[in-house]
Amino acid sequence: MITNNNPLFLSKGFNIIKAFITPKDEFLTTELSKKSNMSWGHSQKIIKGLCDRGYLIKEKRKGRTRIIKLTEKGRAIWFLSKELEVML
């Protein structure tokens, strides 16, 4: 089981944050699942954990549609990931 303190959760969470092309992007939950190469169900658990920790925010749109965005805290991690990509 992947818990919020598990290193695998952090790794998968990092992959979701890296899926954002720019820090201002917003995705439908299904789009974000595809971009992070995870099944829809698994990505939803990770997204929920990231929302609970304050890295992502889910906004309800028309009907059952949800838009996922980075919070300020999430954008800080996004910028860090880009810096690490340049260094490696």
Foldseek 3Di string as FASTA:
>chain_A
DDDLVDVVLVVLLLLLLLLDPAQFDKDWLVVSCVSSVHDSVVSVVSLVSCVVVQQWDWDDDPDRTIIIHGDPNVNVSNVVVVVVVVVD
